[in-house]
N, C-alpha and C. Protein backbone atom coordinates (compact mmCIF):
# COMPACT_ATOMS: atom_id res chain seq x y z
N GLN A 1 104.39 15.97 -39.79
CA GLN A 1 103.08 15.53 -40.44
C GLN A 1 101.84 16.21 -40.17
N VAL A 2 100.97 16.23 -41.14
CA VAL A 2 99.31 16.76 -40.98
C VAL A 2 98.54 15.80 -40.02
N GLN A 3 97.74 16.64 -39.17
CA GLN A 3 96.88 15.90 -38.52
C GLN A 3 95.18 16.76 -38.85
N LEU A 4 94.41 16.02 -38.85
CA LEU A 4 92.92 16.68 -39.27
C LEU A 4 92.48 16.33 -37.72
N VAL A 5 92.14 17.36 -37.01
CA VAL A 5 90.98 16.99 -35.95
C VAL A 5 89.74 17.43 -35.98
N GLU A 6 88.91 16.52 -35.85
CA GLU A 6 87.77 16.89 -36.22
C GLU A 6 86.98 16.93 -34.71
N SER A 7 85.71 17.94 -34.36
CA SER A 7 85.14 17.91 -33.23
C SER A 7 83.66 18.18 -33.49
N GLY A 8 82.66 17.96 -32.63
CA GLY A 8 81.48 18.40 -33.00
C GLY A 8 80.19 17.58 -32.90
N GLY A 9 81.07 16.03 -33.07
CA GLY A 9 79.74 15.41 -33.02
C GLY A 9 79.26 15.10 -31.69
N GLY A 10 77.65 14.07 -31.96
CA GLY A 10 77.17 13.82 -30.36
C GLY A 10 75.74 12.87 -31.16
N LEU A 11 75.27 13.14 -29.97
CA LEU A 11 73.65 12.58 -30.10
C LEU A 11 72.50 13.67 -30.29
N VAL A 12 71.69 13.47 -31.04
CA VAL A 12 70.82 14.66 -31.46
C VAL A 12 69.41 14.35 -31.61
N GLN A 13 68.62 14.58 -31.31
CA GLN A 13 67.31 14.08 -31.96
C GLN A 13 66.74 14.74 -33.29
N ALA A 14 65.92 13.91 -33.71
CA ALA A 14 65.84 14.00 -35.29
C ALA A 14 65.27 15.64 -35.49
N GLY A 15 65.51 16.38 -36.37
CA GLY A 15 65.07 17.68 -36.68
C GLY A 15 65.93 18.36 -35.67
N GLY A 16 66.88 17.79 -35.16
CA GLY A 16 68.11 19.07 -34.41
C GLY A 16 69.31 19.07 -35.50
N SER A 17 70.20 20.02 -34.76
CA SER A 17 71.22 20.52 -35.78
C SER A 17 72.72 20.24 -34.77
N LEU A 18 73.77 20.16 -35.66
CA LEU A 18 75.13 20.13 -34.88
C LEU A 18 75.84 20.80 -35.94
N ARG A 19 77.34 21.05 -35.42
CA ARG A 19 78.13 21.82 -36.33
C ARG A 19 79.13 21.00 -36.29
N LEU A 20 79.91 20.43 -36.91
CA LEU A 20 81.10 19.79 -37.34
C LEU A 20 82.32 20.53 -37.32
N SER A 21 83.40 20.27 -36.68
CA SER A 21 84.68 21.45 -37.02
C SER A 21 85.92 20.51 -37.55
N CYS A 22 86.88 21.16 -38.13
CA CYS A 22 87.78 20.08 -38.53
C CYS A 22 89.06 21.16 -38.81
N ALA A 23 90.26 20.94 -38.07
CA ALA A 23 91.21 22.11 -38.48
C ALA A 23 92.65 21.08 -38.73
N ALA A 24 93.44 21.33 -39.57
CA ALA A 24 94.67 20.82 -40.11
C ALA A 24 95.66 21.50 -39.34
N THR A 25 96.63 20.91 -38.96
CA THR A 25 97.40 21.03 -37.84
C THR A 25 98.71 20.66 -37.87
N GLY A 26 100.02 20.87 -37.33
CA GLY A 26 101.10 20.36 -37.91
C GLY A 26 101.64 20.73 -39.20
N ARG A 27 102.39 20.23 -39.83
CA ARG A 27 102.76 20.48 -41.23
C ARG A 27 101.63 20.43 -42.19
N THR A 28 101.24 21.37 -42.46
CA THR A 28 100.12 21.65 -43.32
C THR A 28 100.40 21.74 -44.82
N PHE A 29 99.78 21.43 -45.39
CA PHE A 29 100.32 21.61 -46.96
C PHE A 29 99.22 22.71 -47.88
N SER A 30 99.70 23.02 -49.10
CA SER A 30 98.31 23.82 -49.87
C SER A 30 97.44 22.86 -50.36
N TYR A 31 96.22 23.26 -49.82
CA TYR A 31 95.02 22.29 -50.30
C TYR A 31 94.45 22.97 -51.33
N ASP A 32 93.95 21.91 -52.27
CA ASP A 32 93.14 21.95 -52.81
C ASP A 32 91.61 21.90 -52.88
N ALA A 33 91.42 21.44 -51.93
CA ALA A 33 89.94 20.95 -51.48
C ALA A 33 89.53 20.19 -50.12
N MET A 34 88.82 20.57 -48.85
CA MET A 34 88.95 20.05 -47.56
C MET A 34 87.32 19.62 -47.77
N GLY A 35 87.09 18.50 -47.15
CA GLY A 35 85.42 17.89 -47.35
C GLY A 35 85.47 17.07 -46.30
N TRP A 36 83.81 16.46 -46.17
CA TRP A 36 83.48 15.85 -45.31
C TRP A 36 82.73 14.25 -46.04
N PHE A 37 82.78 13.51 -45.63
CA PHE A 37 82.58 11.94 -45.75
C PHE A 37 81.98 11.31 -44.71
N ARG A 38 81.31 10.48 -44.94
CA ARG A 38 80.86 9.41 -43.58
C ARG A 38 80.63 8.13 -43.98
N GLN A 39 80.67 7.52 -42.88
CA GLN A 39 80.13 5.69 -43.13
C GLN A 39 79.05 5.32 -41.64
N ALA A 40 78.70 4.70 -42.49
CA ALA A 40 77.48 4.16 -41.30
C ALA A 40 77.70 2.94 -41.23
N PRO A 41 77.53 2.06 -40.07
CA PRO A 41 77.49 0.60 -40.07
C PRO A 41 77.32 -0.13 -41.20
N GLY A 42 78.15 -0.95 -41.67
CA GLY A 42 77.73 -1.87 -42.63
C GLY A 42 77.68 -1.12 -44.19
N LYS A 43 78.08 0.17 -44.26
CA LYS A 43 77.92 0.85 -45.61
C LYS A 43 79.20 1.19 -45.84
N GLU A 44 79.57 1.67 -47.18
CA GLU A 44 80.51 2.07 -47.73
C GLU A 44 80.85 3.27 -47.31
N ARG A 45 81.87 4.03 -47.05
CA ARG A 45 81.82 5.57 -46.90
C ARG A 45 81.61 6.21 -47.90
N GLU A 46 80.67 7.36 -47.91
CA GLU A 46 80.04 8.25 -48.74
C GLU A 46 80.38 9.75 -48.74
N PHE A 47 80.07 10.22 -49.89
CA PHE A 47 80.51 12.03 -50.10
C PHE A 47 79.59 12.63 -49.38
N VAL A 48 79.72 13.56 -48.68
CA VAL A 48 78.88 14.25 -48.09
C VAL A 48 78.98 15.84 -48.63
N ALA A 49 80.04 16.23 -48.46
CA ALA A 49 80.28 17.80 -49.00
C ALA A 49 81.64 18.13 -49.04
N THR A 50 81.86 19.09 -50.14
CA THR A 50 83.52 19.30 -50.14
C THR A 50 83.55 20.91 -50.41
N ILE A 51 84.60 21.38 -50.37
CA ILE A 51 84.64 22.86 -50.86
C ILE A 51 85.79 23.14 -51.15
N ARG A 52 86.14 23.79 -52.47
CA ARG A 52 87.35 24.30 -53.01
C ARG A 52 88.21 25.37 -52.04
N TRP A 53 89.35 25.05 -51.95
CA TRP A 53 90.04 26.06 -50.79
C TRP A 53 90.18 27.50 -51.21
N ARG A 54 90.76 27.87 -52.58
CA ARG A 54 90.65 28.86 -53.14
C ARG A 54 89.36 29.78 -53.28
N SER A 55 88.65 28.90 -53.86
CA SER A 55 87.30 30.10 -54.51
C SER A 55 86.33 29.94 -53.39
N GLY A 56 86.24 28.85 -52.76
CA GLY A 56 85.38 28.59 -51.77
C GLY A 56 83.80 27.86 -52.50
N THR A 57 83.89 27.73 -53.69
CA THR A 57 82.97 26.96 -54.24
C THR A 57 82.84 25.42 -53.62
N ALA A 58 81.34 25.66 -52.99
CA ALA A 58 81.07 24.40 -52.54
C ALA A 58 80.05 23.28 -53.25
N TYR A 59 80.11 21.95 -52.60
CA TYR A 59 79.42 21.14 -53.42
C TYR A 59 79.17 20.23 -52.52
N SER A 60 77.95 19.72 -52.57
CA SER A 60 77.13 18.62 -51.46
C SER A 60 76.37 17.64 -52.12
N ALA A 61 76.35 16.57 -51.43
CA ALA A 61 75.60 15.36 -51.91
C ALA A 61 73.89 15.47 -52.16
N GLU A 62 73.47 14.87 -53.13
CA GLU A 62 71.87 15.27 -53.04
C GLU A 62 71.26 15.09 -51.72
N SER A 63 71.88 13.93 -51.09
CA SER A 63 71.00 13.44 -49.69
C SER A 63 70.87 14.63 -48.79
N VAL A 64 71.87 15.39 -48.70
CA VAL A 64 72.16 16.82 -47.75
C VAL A 64 71.81 17.93 -48.27
N LYS A 65 71.59 18.31 -49.58
CA LYS A 65 71.47 19.63 -50.33
C LYS A 65 70.26 20.02 -48.97
N GLY A 66 70.60 21.47 -48.77
CA GLY A 66 69.21 22.34 -48.42
C GLY A 66 69.35 21.73 -46.67
N ARG A 67 70.03 20.88 -46.24
CA ARG A 67 70.10 20.73 -44.85
C ARG A 67 71.54 21.20 -44.35
N PHE A 68 72.44 20.93 -45.04
CA PHE A 68 74.05 20.64 -44.62
C PHE A 68 74.58 21.78 -45.06
N THR A 69 75.46 22.79 -44.85
CA THR A 69 76.25 23.72 -45.28
C THR A 69 77.59 23.59 -44.92
N ILE A 70 78.32 23.35 -45.84
CA ILE A 70 80.17 23.72 -45.72
C ILE A 70 80.51 24.90 -45.68
N SER A 71 81.89 24.92 -44.91
CA SER A 71 82.42 26.30 -45.05
C SER A 71 83.58 26.39 -44.62
N ARG A 72 84.55 27.28 -44.80
CA ARG A 72 86.01 26.93 -44.63
C ARG A 72 86.49 28.35 -43.84
N ASP A 73 87.68 28.09 -43.06
CA ASP A 73 88.19 29.48 -42.55
C ASP A 73 89.84 29.30 -43.02
N THR A 74 90.06 29.83 -44.00
CA THR A 74 91.38 29.67 -44.57
C THR A 74 92.30 29.99 -43.72
N ALA A 75 92.22 31.28 -42.58
CA ALA A 75 93.26 31.37 -41.73
C ALA A 75 93.52 30.46 -40.74
N LYS A 76 92.70 29.59 -40.26
CA LYS A 76 92.58 28.76 -39.38
C LYS A 76 92.90 27.21 -40.00
N ASN A 77 92.87 27.29 -41.30
CA ASN A 77 93.19 25.96 -42.01
C ASN A 77 92.05 25.01 -41.59
N ALA A 78 90.68 25.58 -41.41
CA ALA A 78 89.77 24.91 -40.95
C ALA A 78 88.44 24.65 -41.98
N VAL A 79 87.50 23.82 -41.60
CA VAL A 79 86.57 23.59 -42.19
C VAL A 79 85.48 23.11 -41.73
N TYR A 80 84.15 23.21 -41.60
CA TYR A 80 83.15 23.25 -40.78
C TYR A 80 81.99 22.58 -41.53
N LEU A 81 81.26 22.17 -40.89
CA LEU A 81 79.83 21.34 -41.61
C LEU A 81 78.79 21.59 -40.81
N GLN A 82 77.75 22.61 -41.37
CA GLN A 82 76.48 22.86 -40.04
C GLN A 82 75.52 21.90 -40.66
N MET A 83 74.85 21.11 -40.09
CA MET A 83 74.10 19.82 -40.25
C MET A 83 72.64 20.61 -39.69
N ASN A 84 71.75 20.86 -40.26
CA ASN A 84 70.57 21.22 -39.84
C ASN A 84 69.32 20.19 -40.23
N SER A 85 68.12 20.07 -39.60
CA SER A 85 67.17 18.88 -39.75
C SER A 85 67.58 17.78 -39.84
N LEU A 86 68.25 17.08 -39.08
CA LEU A 86 68.99 15.81 -39.06
C LEU A 86 67.98 14.79 -39.37
N LYS A 87 68.56 13.71 -39.81
CA LYS A 87 67.33 12.63 -39.58
C LYS A 87 68.08 11.39 -39.27
N PRO A 88 67.44 10.38 -38.71
CA PRO A 88 68.08 9.15 -38.38
C PRO A 88 69.23 8.69 -39.55
N GLY A 89 69.14 8.85 -40.71
CA GLY A 89 69.49 8.37 -41.92
C GLY A 89 71.01 8.72 -42.05
N ASP A 90 71.22 10.28 -40.99
CA ASP A 90 72.10 10.74 -41.20
C ASP A 90 73.06 10.23 -40.09
N THR A 91 72.88 9.37 -39.45
CA THR A 91 73.62 8.78 -38.60
C THR A 91 74.83 8.21 -38.93
N ALA A 92 76.25 7.97 -38.80
CA ALA A 92 77.60 7.64 -39.48
C ALA A 92 78.41 8.25 -38.47
N ALA A 93 79.75 7.59 -38.77
CA ALA A 93 80.94 8.29 -38.43
C ALA A 93 81.71 9.41 -39.84
N TYR A 94 81.60 10.36 -38.85
CA TYR A 94 81.83 11.51 -40.26
C TYR A 94 83.49 11.91 -40.06
N TYR A 95 83.85 11.78 -41.21
CA TYR A 95 85.39 12.27 -41.31
C TYR A 95 85.91 13.36 -42.64
N CYS A 96 86.42 13.96 -41.82
CA CYS A 96 87.26 15.00 -42.69
C CYS A 96 88.34 14.83 -43.05
N ALA A 97 88.30 15.08 -44.55
CA ALA A 97 89.16 14.55 -45.82
C ALA A 97 89.89 16.19 -46.08
N ALA A 98 91.18 15.96 -46.59
CA ALA A 98 91.93 17.12 -47.42
C ALA A 98 92.61 16.47 -48.85
N ARG A 99 92.51 17.45 -49.87
CA ARG A 99 93.30 16.89 -51.01
C ARG A 99 94.25 18.20 -51.03
N ARG A 100 95.40 17.36 -51.37
CA ARG A 100 96.57 18.52 -51.33
C ARG A 100 96.47 19.16 -53.01
N ALA A 101 97.20 20.40 -53.00
CA ALA A 101 97.12 21.09 -54.34
C ALA A 101 97.86 20.21 -55.49
N ILE A 102 99.16 20.08 -54.74
CA ILE A 102 100.35 19.45 -55.58
C ILE A 102 100.10 18.14 -56.13
N SER A 103 98.76 17.57 -55.83
CA SER A 103 98.52 16.29 -56.20
C SER A 103 96.82 15.95 -56.62
N ALA A 104 96.60 17.02 -56.44
CA ALA A 104 94.93 16.97 -56.87
C ALA A 104 94.50 16.43 -58.28
N SER A 105 93.81 15.63 -58.31
CA SER A 105 93.34 15.12 -59.87
C SER A 105 92.10 14.68 -59.25
N GLY A 106 91.38 14.12 -60.47
CA GLY A 106 90.05 13.14 -60.29
C GLY A 106 89.03 14.06 -59.73
N THR A 107 87.86 13.19 -59.92
CA THR A 107 86.77 14.05 -59.07
C THR A 107 86.86 14.30 -57.19
N LEU A 108 86.29 15.31 -57.24
CA LEU A 108 86.16 15.79 -55.85
C LEU A 108 85.27 14.49 -54.76
N PHE A 109 84.44 14.21 -55.65
CA PHE A 109 83.45 13.27 -54.85
C PHE A 109 83.92 11.91 -54.45
N ASP A 110 84.70 11.58 -54.83
CA ASP A 110 85.67 10.21 -54.72
C ASP A 110 86.77 10.08 -53.49
N ASP A 111 86.44 9.42 -52.47
CA ASP A 111 87.24 9.61 -51.24
C ASP A 111 88.91 9.29 -51.38
N LYS A 112 89.02 8.34 -52.65
CA LYS A 112 90.24 8.00 -53.11
C LYS A 112 91.15 9.23 -53.66
N ASN A 113 90.60 10.37 -54.06
CA ASN A 113 91.26 11.28 -54.21
C ASN A 113 91.59 12.24 -53.01
N TYR A 114 91.89 12.15 -51.99
CA TYR A 114 92.00 12.77 -50.87
C TYR A 114 93.11 12.15 -49.94
N ASP A 115 94.09 13.16 -49.81
CA ASP A 115 95.33 12.74 -49.11
C ASP A 115 95.34 12.32 -47.56
N ASP A 116 94.64 13.62 -46.83
CA ASP A 116 94.80 13.12 -45.76
C ASP A 116 93.46 13.09 -44.75
N TRP A 117 93.32 12.74 -43.99
CA TRP A 117 91.84 12.12 -42.89
C TRP A 117 92.40 12.27 -41.71
N GLY A 118 91.07 12.72 -41.00
CA GLY A 118 90.88 12.82 -39.86
C GLY A 118 90.46 11.34 -39.06
N GLN A 119 90.38 11.21 -37.48
CA GLN A 119 89.93 10.15 -37.05
C GLN A 119 88.75 10.07 -37.08
N GLY A 120 88.03 10.58 -37.64
CA GLY A 120 86.62 10.62 -37.32
C GLY A 120 85.46 11.16 -36.32
N THR A 121 84.55 11.39 -36.33
CA THR A 121 83.99 12.06 -35.48
C THR A 121 82.33 11.01 -35.51
N GLN A 122 81.62 10.81 -34.28
CA GLN A 122 80.27 10.09 -34.53
C GLN A 122 79.15 10.87 -34.29
N VAL A 123 78.31 10.78 -35.36
CA VAL A 123 76.94 11.63 -35.35
C VAL A 123 75.82 10.51 -35.07
N THR A 124 75.24 10.61 -34.04
CA THR A 124 73.88 9.60 -33.89
C THR A 124 72.21 10.35 -33.83
N VAL A 125 71.50 10.32 -34.66
CA VAL A 125 70.58 10.82 -34.57
C VAL A 125 69.24 10.13 -34.26
N SER A 126 68.69 10.14 -33.26
CA SER A 126 67.58 9.39 -33.00
C SER A 126 66.23 9.88 -33.08
N SER A 127 65.45 8.87 -33.52
CA SER A 127 63.75 9.28 -34.03
C SER A 127 62.95 9.33 -32.73
């Protein structure tokens, strides 16, 4: 069974930085993409960033462009999210997600098209 294990969340002041990590352990699959979504209290889960596993092509939401960078380490089955210039509006639970290559279909920006999920890590940005 696949487990996505996240780390790196925490409390930071506005303007600060955090780096989230996510590693796939257990019975891993060949992945099409791995990415990050977030969910703030009372809001729906939203796309943050994702990266194609083979090519390394990255995509990010407009709200985080220029501030967040997604990267991957294929040897470690890991994906990272470097978050700079954090704002209070970035406060949310951040979830790592993986899309298996064998069943990949649909847009990368919809959480319904991802197969495996981490437990979430909280990011809180104070003003």
